[in-house]
C-alpha atoms as a PDB file:
ATOM      1  CA  MET A   1      46.460  41.485   6.828  1.00  0.00           C
ATOM      2  CA  VAL A   2      43.819  41.656   9.640  1.00  0.00           C
ATOM      3  CA  ARG A   3      42.813  45.198   8.909  1.00  0.00           C
ATOM      4  CA  THR A   4      42.088  43.995   5.116  1.00  0.00           C
ATOM      5  CA  MET A   5      39.633  41.349   6.375  1.00  0.00           C
ATOM      6  CA  LEU A   6      38.175  43.165   8.705  1.00  0.00           C
ATOM      7  CA  LYS A   7      37.818  45.608   5.609  1.00  0.00           C
ATOM      8  CA  THR A   8      36.336  42.523   3.491  1.00  0.00           C
ATOM      9  CA  ALA A   9      33.562  41.874   6.086  1.00  0.00           C
ATOM     10  CA  LEU A  10      32.396  45.318   7.012  1.00  0.00           C
ATOM     11  CA  LEU A  11      31.839  45.387   3.049  1.00  0.00           C
ATOM     12  CA  GLY A  12      30.006  42.255   2.533  1.00  0.00           C
ATOM     13  CA  ALA A  13      27.935  43.477   5.743  1.00  0.00           C
ATOM     14  CA  THR A  14      27.302  46.589   4.097  1.00  0.00           C
ATOM     15  CA  LEU A  15      26.447  44.913   0.905  1.00  0.00           C
ATOM     16  CA  LEU A  16      23.712  42.647   3.008  1.00  0.00           C
ATOM     17  CA  VAL A  17      22.347  45.579   4.643  1.00  0.00           C
ATOM     18  CA  ALA A  18      21.842  47.351   1.044  1.00  0.00           C
ATOM     19  CA  GLY A  19      20.419  44.533  -0.641  1.00  0.00           C
ATOM     20  CA  ALA A  20      17.659  43.827   2.083  1.00  0.00           C
ATOM     21  CA  ALA A  21      16.678  47.359   1.887  1.00  0.00           C
ATOM     22  CA  ALA A  22      16.434  47.402  -1.863  1.00  0.00           C
ATOM     23  CA  GLY A  23      14.255  44.324  -1.630  1.00  0.00           C
ATOM     24  CA  THR A  24      12.122  46.240   0.974  1.00  0.00           C
ATOM     25  CA  ALA A  25      11.711  49.069  -1.621  1.00  0.00           C
ATOM     26  CA  MET A  26      11.173  47.113  -4.151  1.00  0.00           C
ATOM     27  CA  ALA A  27       8.287  45.577  -2.758  1.00  0.00           C
ATOM     28  CA  ASP A  28       5.355  45.221  -4.899  1.00  0.00           C
ATOM     29  CA  THR A  29       1.897  43.741  -3.999  1.00  0.00           C
ATOM     30  CA  LEU A  30       1.013  42.935  -7.807  1.00  0.00           C
ATOM     31  CA  ALA A  31       3.808  41.013  -8.065  1.00  0.00           C
ATOM     32  CA  ASP A  32       3.264  38.951  -4.599  1.00  0.00           C
ATOM     33  CA  VAL A  33      -0.576  38.207  -6.419  1.00  0.00           C
ATOM     34  CA  LYS A  34       1.329  36.698  -9.584  1.00  0.00           C
ATOM     35  CA  LYS A  35       3.593  34.638  -7.305  1.00  0.00           C
ATOM     36  CA  ALA A  36       0.805  33.269  -5.058  1.00  0.00           C
ATOM     37  CA  GLY A  37      -1.543  33.119  -8.285  1.00  0.00           C
ATOM     38  CA  VAL A  38      -4.435  34.381  -5.921  1.00  0.00           C
ATOM     39  CA  PHE A  39      -5.925  38.084  -5.868  1.00  0.00           C
ATOM     40  CA  THR A  40      -7.612  38.471  -2.515  1.00  0.00           C
ATOM     41  CA  VAL A  41     -10.298  41.143  -2.606  1.00  0.00           C
ATOM     42  CA  ALA A  42     -13.273  42.291   0.222  1.00  0.00           C
ATOM     43  CA  THR A  43     -16.606  43.447  -0.199  1.00  0.00           C
ATOM     44  CA  GLU A  44     -19.835  43.630   1.799  1.00  0.00           C
ATOM     45  CA  MET A  45     -22.265  40.790   0.295  1.00  0.00           C
ATOM     46  CA  GLN A  46     -24.998  42.587   1.359  1.00  0.00           C
ATOM     47  CA  PHE A  47     -25.676  45.502  -1.311  1.00  0.00           C
ATOM     48  CA  PRO A  48     -27.443  44.174  -4.487  1.00  0.00           C
ATOM     49  CA  PRO A  49     -26.927  43.948  -7.272  1.00  0.00           C
ATOM     50  CA  PHE A  50     -23.042  44.441  -6.633  1.00  0.00           C
ATOM     51  CA  ASP A  51     -22.948  42.004  -4.200  1.00  0.00           C
ATOM     52  CA  PHE A  52     -24.885  39.588  -2.417  1.00  0.00           C
ATOM     53  CA  LEU A  53     -25.370  35.927  -1.468  1.00  0.00           C
ATOM     54  CA  GLU A  54     -28.293  33.895  -2.801  1.00  0.00           C
ATOM     55  CA  ASN A  55     -28.166  30.263  -1.870  1.00  0.00           C
ATOM     56  CA  ASN A  56     -24.938  31.155   0.335  1.00  0.00           C
ATOM     57  CA  GLU A  57     -23.296  31.993  -3.751  1.00  0.00           C
ATOM     58  CA  TYR A  58     -21.638  35.066  -3.950  1.00  0.00           C
ATOM     59  CA  ARG A  59     -23.212  36.867  -6.968  1.00  0.00           C
ATOM     60  CA  GLY A  60     -23.294  40.352  -8.547  1.00  0.00           C
ATOM     61  CA  VAL A  61     -22.045  43.397 -10.365  1.00  0.00           C
ATOM     62  CA  ASP A  62     -18.320  42.996  -8.617  1.00  0.00           C
ATOM     63  CA  LYS A  63     -18.226  39.501  -8.609  1.00  0.00           C
ATOM     64  CA  ASP A  64     -18.777  38.882 -12.477  1.00  0.00           C
ATOM     65  CA  LEU A  65     -16.671  42.145 -13.497  1.00  0.00           C
ATOM     66  CA  PHE A  66     -13.713  40.806 -11.224  1.00  0.00           C
ATOM     67  CA  ASP A  67     -13.729  37.305 -12.405  1.00  0.00           C
ATOM     68  CA  GLU A  68     -12.901  39.085 -15.807  1.00  0.00           C
ATOM     69  CA  VAL A  69     -10.303  41.151 -14.349  1.00  0.00           C
ATOM     70  CA  ALA A  70      -8.683  37.926 -12.524  1.00  0.00           C
ATOM     71  CA  LYS A  71      -8.795  36.450 -15.920  1.00  0.00           C
ATOM     72  CA  GLU A  72      -6.603  38.942 -17.435  1.00  0.00           C
ATOM     73  CA  LEU A  73      -4.126  38.728 -15.009  1.00  0.00           C
ATOM     74  CA  GLY A  74      -3.798  35.321 -14.732  1.00  0.00           C
ATOM     75  CA  VAL A  75      -4.911  34.465 -11.173  1.00  0.00           C
ATOM     76  CA  LYS A  76      -7.445  33.071  -9.169  1.00  0.00           C
ATOM     77  CA  ALA A  77     -10.061  35.396  -7.367  1.00  0.00           C
ATOM     78  CA  LYS A  78     -10.523  35.291  -3.569  1.00  0.00           C
ATOM     79  CA  TYR A  79     -13.907  36.796  -2.089  1.00  0.00           C
ATOM     80  CA  MET A  80     -13.572  37.955   1.633  1.00  0.00           C
ATOM     81  CA  ASP A  81     -17.302  39.221   3.214  1.00  0.00           C
ATOM     82  CA  LEU A  82     -16.940  41.606   5.679  1.00  0.00           C
ATOM     83  CA  PRO A  83     -19.313  44.379   7.199  1.00  0.00           C
ATOM     84  CA  TRP A  84     -19.171  47.776   5.591  1.00  0.00           C
ATOM     85  CA  THR A  85     -17.562  49.061   8.516  1.00  0.00           C
ATOM     86  CA  SER A  86     -14.427  46.822   8.224  1.00  0.00           C
ATOM     87  CA  VAL A  87     -13.866  46.753   4.926  1.00  0.00           C
ATOM     88  CA  LEU A  88     -11.799  49.927   4.308  1.00  0.00           C
ATOM     89  CA  PRO A  89      -9.733  49.712   7.936  1.00  0.00           C
ATOM     90  CA  GLY A  90      -9.105  46.231   6.595  1.00  0.00           C
ATOM     91  CA  LEU A  91      -7.678  46.949   3.800  1.00  0.00           C
ATOM     92  CA  GLU A  92      -5.230  49.788   5.345  1.00  0.00           C
ATOM     93  CA  ALA A  93      -4.271  46.525   7.787  1.00  0.00           C
ATOM     94  CA  LYS A  94      -3.178  44.782   4.564  1.00  0.00           C
ATOM     95  CA  LYS A  95      -5.631  42.027   5.142  1.00  0.00           C
ATOM     96  CA  PHE A  96      -6.450  41.285   1.282  1.00  0.00           C
ATOM     97  CA  ASP A  97      -5.093  43.313  -1.448  1.00  0.00           C
ATOM     98  CA  LEU A  98      -7.919  45.465  -3.049  1.00  0.00           C
ATOM     99  CA  VAL A  99     -11.594  46.387  -1.924  1.00  0.00           C
ATOM    100  CA  ILE A 100     -14.514  45.542  -4.698  1.00  0.00           C
ATOM    101  CA  ALA A 101     -17.185  46.417  -2.782  1.00  0.00           C
ATOM    102  CA  PRO A 102     -18.369  50.020  -4.465  1.00  0.00           C
ATOM    103  CA  VAL A 103     -17.052  52.916  -3.143  1.00  0.00           C
ATOM    104  CA  THR A 104     -18.146  56.425  -4.195  1.00  0.00           C
ATOM    105  CA  ILE A 105     -15.098  58.477  -5.087  1.00  0.00           C
ATOM    106  CA  THR A 106     -15.147  61.584  -2.892  1.00  0.00           C
ATOM    107  CA  LYS A 107     -12.347  64.274  -2.485  1.00  0.00           C
ATOM    108  CA  GLU A 108     -11.689  63.166   1.192  1.00  0.00           C
ATOM    109  CA  ARG A 109     -11.241  59.653   0.213  1.00  0.00           C
ATOM    110  CA  MET A 110      -8.734  60.315  -2.867  1.00  0.00           C
ATOM    111  CA  LYS A 111      -6.728  61.722   0.126  1.00  0.00           C
ATOM    112  CA  ARG A 112      -6.292  58.338   1.601  1.00  0.00           C
ATOM    113  CA  TYR A 113      -6.765  56.131  -0.795  1.00  0.00           C
ATOM    114  CA  SER A 114      -6.233  55.006  -4.510  1.00  0.00           C
ATOM    115  CA  PHE A 115      -9.055  54.475  -6.631  1.00  0.00           C
ATOM    116  CA  THR A 116      -9.469  52.669 -10.038  1.00  0.00           C
ATOM    117  CA  VAL A 117     -11.237  53.954 -12.927  1.00  0.00           C
ATOM    118  CA  PRO A 118     -14.956  53.710 -11.964  1.00  0.00           C
ATOM    119  CA  ILE A 119     -16.845  50.405 -12.462  1.00  0.00           C
ATOM    120  CA  SER A 120     -20.663  51.973 -11.849  1.00  0.00           C
ATOM    121  CA  GLU A 121     -22.331  55.505 -12.093  1.00  0.00           C
ATOM    122  CA  ALA A 122     -23.126  56.158  -8.327  1.00  0.00           C
ATOM    123  CA  THR A 123     -25.549  59.286  -8.084  1.00  0.00           C
ATOM    124  CA  ALA A 124     -27.641  59.280  -4.587  1.00  0.00           C
ATOM    125  CA  ALA A 125     -31.409  58.876  -5.201  1.00  0.00           C
ATOM    126  CA  LEU A 126     -33.964  58.164  -3.086  1.00  0.00           C
ATOM    127  CA  MET A 127     -36.815  55.087  -2.804  1.00  0.00           C
ATOM    128  CA  LYS A 128     -39.969  55.200  -1.338  1.00  0.00           C
ATOM    129  CA  ARG A 129     -43.476  52.666  -0.697  1.00  0.00           C
ATOM    130  CA  ALA A 130     -45.065  52.188  -4.106  1.00  0.00           C
ATOM    131  CA  ASP A 131     -48.593  53.257  -2.465  1.00  0.00           C
ATOM    132  CA  ASP A 132     -47.443  56.779  -1.101  1.00  0.00           C
ATOM    133  CA  LYS A 133     -48.546  59.439  -2.865  1.00  0.00           C
ATOM    134  CA  THR A 134     -46.426  62.182  -0.226  1.00  0.00           C
ATOM    135  CA  ILE A 135     -43.227  61.913  -1.811  1.00  0.00           C
ATOM    136  CA  ASN A 136     -43.047  62.506  -5.698  1.00  0.00           C
ATOM    137  CA  LYS A 137     -40.062  64.645  -6.315  1.00  0.00           C
ATOM    138  CA  PRO A 138     -36.880  64.374  -3.731  1.00  0.00           C
ATOM    139  CA  GLU A 139     -37.730  67.945  -2.152  1.00  0.00           C
ATOM    140  CA  ASP A 140     -41.227  65.658  -0.524  1.00  0.00           C
ATOM    141  CA  ILE A 141     -38.711  64.321   2.223  1.00  0.00           C
ATOM    142  CA  ALA A 142     -38.976  67.281   4.261  1.00  0.00           C
ATOM    143  CA  GLY A 143     -39.888  66.478   7.984  1.00  0.00           C
ATOM    144  CA  LYS A 144     -39.861  62.757   7.097  1.00  0.00           C
ATOM    145  CA  LYS A 145     -37.826  59.557   7.906  1.00  0.00           C
ATOM    146  CA  VAL A 146     -35.357  58.644   5.992  1.00  0.00           C
ATOM    147  CA  GLY A 147     -33.042  55.834   5.915  1.00  0.00           C
ATOM    148  CA  GLY A 148     -29.300  54.654   4.491  1.00  0.00           C
ATOM    149  CA  GLY A 149     -26.200  52.838   4.856  1.00  0.00           C
ATOM    150  CA  LYS A 150     -24.194  53.847   7.785  1.00  0.00           C
ATOM    151  CA  GLY A 151     -20.552  55.268   6.954  1.00  0.00           C
ATOM    152  CA  THR A 152     -21.983  55.509   2.770  1.00  0.00           C
ATOM    153  CA  SER A 153     -21.837  58.756   0.957  1.00  0.00           C
ATOM    154  CA  GLN A 154     -25.212  58.599  -0.174  1.00  0.00           C
ATOM    155  CA  LEU A 155     -26.500  59.070   3.862  1.00  0.00           C
ATOM    156  CA  ALA A 156     -23.965  61.936   4.237  1.00  0.00           C
ATOM    157  CA  GLN A 157     -25.387  63.404   0.812  1.00  0.00           C
ATOM    158  CA  VAL A 158     -29.068  63.422   2.225  1.00  0.00           C
ATOM    159  CA  LYS A 159     -27.950  64.901   5.443  1.00  0.00           C
ATOM    160  CA  GLU A 160     -26.451  67.833   3.493  1.00  0.00           C
ATOM    161  CA  PHE A 161     -29.676  67.700   1.125  1.00  0.00           C
ATOM    162  CA  GLY A 162     -32.188  67.799   4.093  1.00  0.00           C
ATOM    163  CA  GLN A 163     -30.424  71.325   5.226  1.00  0.00           C
ATOM    164  CA  THR A 164     -31.608  72.939   2.163  1.00  0.00           C
ATOM    165  CA  LEU A 165     -35.141  72.102   2.908  1.00  0.00           C
ATOM    166  CA  PRO A 166     -38.332  73.766   5.218  1.00  0.00           C
ATOM    167  CA  THR A 167     -37.988  70.986   7.808  1.00  0.00           C
ATOM    168  CA  PRO A 168     -34.944  68.295   7.411  1.00  0.00           C
ATOM    169  CA  PRO A 169     -35.720  64.819   7.270  1.00  0.00           C
ATOM    170  CA  ASP A 170     -35.282  62.435  10.172  1.00  0.00           C
ATOM    171  CA  VAL A 171     -32.075  60.541   8.658  1.00  0.00           C
ATOM    172  CA  ARG A 172     -31.366  57.185  10.539  1.00  0.00           C
ATOM    173  CA  GLU A 173     -28.178  54.605   9.863  1.00  0.00           C
ATOM    174  CA  TYR A 174     -28.475  51.349   9.108  1.00  0.00           C
ATOM    175  CA  VAL A 175     -25.702  48.685   9.373  1.00  0.00           C
ATOM    176  CA  ASP A 176     -26.728  48.001   5.545  1.00  0.00           C
ATOM    177  CA  SER A 177     -29.263  49.068   2.763  1.00  0.00           C
ATOM    178  CA  ASN A 178     -31.178  46.113   3.280  1.00  0.00           C
ATOM    179  CA  GLN A 179     -32.435  46.485   6.781  1.00  0.00           C
ATOM    180  CA  SER A 180     -33.090  49.968   5.539  1.00  0.00           C
ATOM    181  CA  TYR A 181     -35.444  48.692   2.378  1.00  0.00           C
ATOM    182  CA  ALA A 182     -37.333  46.149   5.153  1.00  0.00           C
ATOM    183  CA  ASP A 183     -38.110  49.276   7.457  1.00  0.00           C
ATOM    184  CA  LEU A 184     -39.245  51.083   4.748  1.00  0.00           C
ATOM    185  CA  ALA A 185     -41.447  48.452   3.083  1.00  0.00           C
ATOM    186  CA  ALA A 186     -42.715  48.233   6.761  1.00  0.00           C
ATOM    187  CA  GLY A 187     -43.672  51.917   7.303  1.00  0.00           C
ATOM    188  CA  ARG A 188     -40.867  52.601   9.839  1.00  0.00           C
ATOM    189  CA  VAL A 189     -39.515  54.964   7.503  1.00  0.00           C
ATOM    190  CA  ASP A 190     -40.755  56.717   4.625  1.00  0.00           C
ATOM    191  CA  ALA A 191     -37.885  56.651   2.005  1.00  0.00           C
ATOM    192  CA  SER A 192     -34.284  55.133   1.738  1.00  0.00           C
ATOM    193  CA  VAL A 193     -31.627  56.529   0.151  1.00  0.00           C
ATOM    194  CA  ASN A 194     -28.979  54.545  -1.725  1.00  0.00           C
ATOM    195  CA  SER A 195     -27.220  55.116  -5.735  1.00  0.00           C
ATOM    196  CA  LEU A 196     -29.475  55.087  -8.331  1.00  0.00           C
ATOM    197  CA  PRO A 197     -28.516  51.930  -9.652  1.00  0.00           C
ATOM    198  CA  ASN A 198     -29.089  49.882  -6.193  1.00  0.00           C
ATOM    199  CA  LEU A 199     -32.399  51.470  -5.901  1.00  0.00           C
ATOM    200  CA  ASN A 200     -33.164  50.372  -9.479  1.00  0.00           C
ATOM    201  CA  PHE A 201     -32.681  46.889  -9.069  1.00  0.00           C
ATOM    202  CA  ALA A 202     -34.316  46.782  -5.571  1.00  0.00           C
ATOM    203  CA  ALA A 203     -37.357  48.410  -7.194  1.00  0.00           C
ATOM    204  CA  ALA A 204     -37.523  45.962 -10.106  1.00  0.00           C
ATOM    205  CA  GLN A 205     -37.301  43.164  -7.563  1.00  0.00           C
ATOM    206  CA  ARG A 206     -39.945  44.370  -5.529  1.00  0.00           C
ATOM    207  CA  LYS A 207     -42.322  46.695  -8.037  1.00  0.00           C
ATOM    208  CA  GLU A 208     -45.491  45.771  -5.986  1.00  0.00           C
ATOM    209  CA  THR A 209     -43.575  47.392  -2.638  1.00  0.00           C
ATOM    210  CA  PHE A 210     -40.984  50.052  -3.528  1.00  0.00           C
ATOM    211  CA  ALA A 211     -40.886  52.953  -6.170  1.00  0.00           C
ATOM    212  CA  VAL A 212     -37.664  55.454  -7.109  1.00  0.00           C
ATOM    213  CA  VAL A 213     -38.064  59.046  -6.903  1.00  0.00           C
ATOM    214  CA  LEU A 214     -37.126  61.096  -9.810  1.00  0.00           C
ATOM    215  CA  PRO A 215     -34.786  62.612 -10.534  1.00  0.00           C
ATOM    216  CA  PRO A 216     -31.911  61.790  -8.506  1.00  0.00           C
ATOM    217  CA  PHE A 217     -30.938  64.454  -5.685  1.00  0.00           C
ATOM    218  CA  GLY A 218     -27.416  63.667  -5.554  1.00  0.00           C
ATOM    219  CA  LYS A 219     -24.171  65.295  -7.764  1.00  0.00           C
ATOM    220  CA  PRO A 220     -23.079  63.242 -10.703  1.00  0.00           C
ATOM    221  CA  SER A 221     -21.201  60.377  -8.815  1.00  0.00           C
ATOM    222  CA  TYR A 222     -19.407  57.213  -9.756  1.00  0.00           C
ATOM    223  CA  PHE A 223     -18.283  53.864  -7.944  1.00  0.00           C
ATOM    224  CA  SER A 224     -14.533  52.400  -7.929  1.00  0.00           C
ATOM    225  CA  TRP A 225     -13.011  49.793  -6.235  1.00  0.00           C
ATOM    226  CA  VAL A 226     -10.306  51.080  -3.549  1.00  0.00           C
ATOM    227  CA  GLY A 227      -6.797  49.961  -2.977  1.00  0.00           C
ATOM    228  CA  ARG A 228      -3.604  51.475  -0.733  1.00  0.00           C
ATOM    229  CA  PRO A 229      -1.938  54.377  -1.896  1.00  0.00           C
ATOM    230  CA  SER A 230       1.632  53.308  -1.691  1.00  0.00           C
ATOM    231  CA  ASP A 231       4.296  53.035  -3.567  1.00  0.00           C
ATOM    232  CA  ASP A 232       3.958  48.925  -3.271  1.00  0.00           C
ATOM    233  CA  ASP A 233       0.504  48.983  -4.539  1.00  0.00           C
ATOM    234  CA  LYS A 234       0.874  51.372  -7.383  1.00  0.00           C
ATOM    235  CA  SER A 235       1.486  48.715 -10.221  1.00  0.00           C
ATOM    236  CA  LEU A 236      -1.434  46.181  -8.769  1.00  0.00           C
ATOM    237  CA  ILE A 237      -3.773  49.514  -9.360  1.00  0.00           C
ATOM    238  CA  GLU A 238      -2.480  50.178 -12.787  1.00  0.00           C
ATOM    239  CA  ALA A 239      -3.084  46.508 -13.589  1.00  0.00           C
ATOM    240  CA  VAL A 240      -6.737  45.924 -12.396  1.00  0.00           C
ATOM    241  CA  ASN A 241      -6.992  49.701 -14.280  1.00  0.00           C
ATOM    242  CA  ALA A 242      -5.783  48.030 -17.522  1.00  0.00           C
ATOM    243  CA  ALA A 243      -7.817  45.312 -17.560  1.00  0.00           C
ATOM    244  CA  LEU A 244     -11.038  47.171 -16.621  1.00  0.00           C
ATOM    245  CA  VAL A 245     -10.539  49.790 -19.552  1.00  0.00           C
ATOM    246  CA  LYS A 246      -9.846  46.521 -21.895  1.00  0.00           C
ATOM    247  CA  ILE A 247     -13.231  44.779 -20.432  1.00  0.00           C
ATOM    248  CA  GLN A 248     -15.107  48.301 -21.154  1.00  0.00           C
ATOM    249  CA  LYS A 249     -13.465  48.306 -24.541  1.00  0.00           C
ATOM    250  CA  ASP A 250     -14.537  44.882 -25.610  1.00  0.00           C
ATOM    251  CA  GLY A 251     -18.153  44.692 -24.665  1.00  0.00           C
ATOM    252  CA  ARG A 252     -17.735  42.735 -21.770  1.00  0.00           C
ATOM    253  CA  MET A 253     -18.526  45.372 -19.066  1.00  0.00           C
ATOM    254  CA  ALA A 254     -21.799  46.563 -21.222  1.00  0.00           C
ATOM    255  CA  ALA A 255     -23.001  42.500 -21.060  1.00  0.00           C
ATOM    256  CA  ILE A 256     -22.436  42.459 -16.803  1.00  0.00           C
ATOM    257  CA  GLN A 257     -24.286  45.715 -16.940  1.00  0.00           C
ATOM    258  CA  LYS A 258     -27.292  45.314 -18.666  1.00  0.00           C
ATOM    259  CA  LYS A 259     -27.438  41.733 -16.678  1.00  0.00           C
ATOM    260  CA  TRP A 260     -27.858  43.542 -13.383  1.00  0.00           C
ATOM    261  CA  PHE A 261     -28.727  47.251 -14.300  1.00  0.00           C
ATOM    262  CA  GLY A 262     -31.034  46.317 -17.019  1.00  0.00           C
ATOM    263  CA  VAL A 263     -28.788  49.136 -19.126  1.00  0.00           C
ATOM    264  CA  SER A 264     -25.199  50.020 -20.221  1.00  0.00           C
ATOM    265  CA  GLN A 265     -23.478  52.908 -18.544  1.00  0.00           C
ATOM    266  CA  GLU A 266     -20.941  55.215 -20.370  1.00  0.00           C
ATOM    267  CA  LEU A 267     -18.194  55.361 -18.215  1.00  0.00           C
ATOM    268  CA  PRO A 268     -14.814  57.364 -17.735  1.00  0.00           C
ATOM    269  CA  THR A 269     -11.683  55.419 -18.996  1.00  0.00           C
ATOM    270  CA  THR A 270      -9.486  57.531 -15.924  1.00  0.00           C
ATOM    271  CA  VAL A 271     -10.456  58.277 -12.600  1.00  0.00           C
ATOM    272  CA  PRO A 272     -12.393  61.444 -12.703  1.00  0.00           C
ATOM    273  CA  GLU A 273     -12.121  64.229 -10.384  1.00  0.00           C
ATOM    274  CA  PRO A 274     -14.827  64.228  -7.892  1.00  0.00           C
ATOM    275  CA  GLN A 275     -17.517  66.586  -7.165  1.00  0.00           C
ATOM    276  CA  LEU A 276     -18.398  65.504  -3.948  1.00  0.00           C
END
């Protein structure tokens, strides 16, 4: 009788442990988001036209686009503003659910993160002062001072491009692109590097100050949002992708692009193999 009772107790304990383990294995970030009714995302609000503050209000491509994604998922969006250097580490530390700062898809990053389908073209280009007659093509930055955002793909690309020139440029790193633009306007650097959409927006806002250098020097590339590559987050990324593809097909994405870029873009509906 005692032995039977012990066996029953042990079996019950085993089932409890197995149940707990199964619960852990079935952890699902999407389910947690839907249960809470809040999808928490992070970006750096210093990257116009994708993310910026205007009169203390968050605006930009990512805000408009993610508002639509949140509607598709039936949840509210919660936005966090962090320095760019804290965004990806914060994702890994699970301080939020997704990074909507536009991140260039690269081979190295794909080893560490899970990317959504593209939200914009991201080819690297250069911007100069409007009255500068010495820079007319990308190769003209040889020996000149070029500024860009620290830790960005565009900065890495201009460094690589610079090594192909007779005299490499003096590449300077900034906390964010706006500081690089300020130094460009003040004459402390000769050019700024960023994605073509970013530079087109900046130049359009200050036509008397800036001009984009064409053609872009970078390899064709795309911006995407970034999630964790774990099984727990797989369904979340799939849901975001499905929403983005729907938004692209029904014309909402094109409307957002025209609002901020002045033109719409043809984007892949799957994650492309990166050239970078």
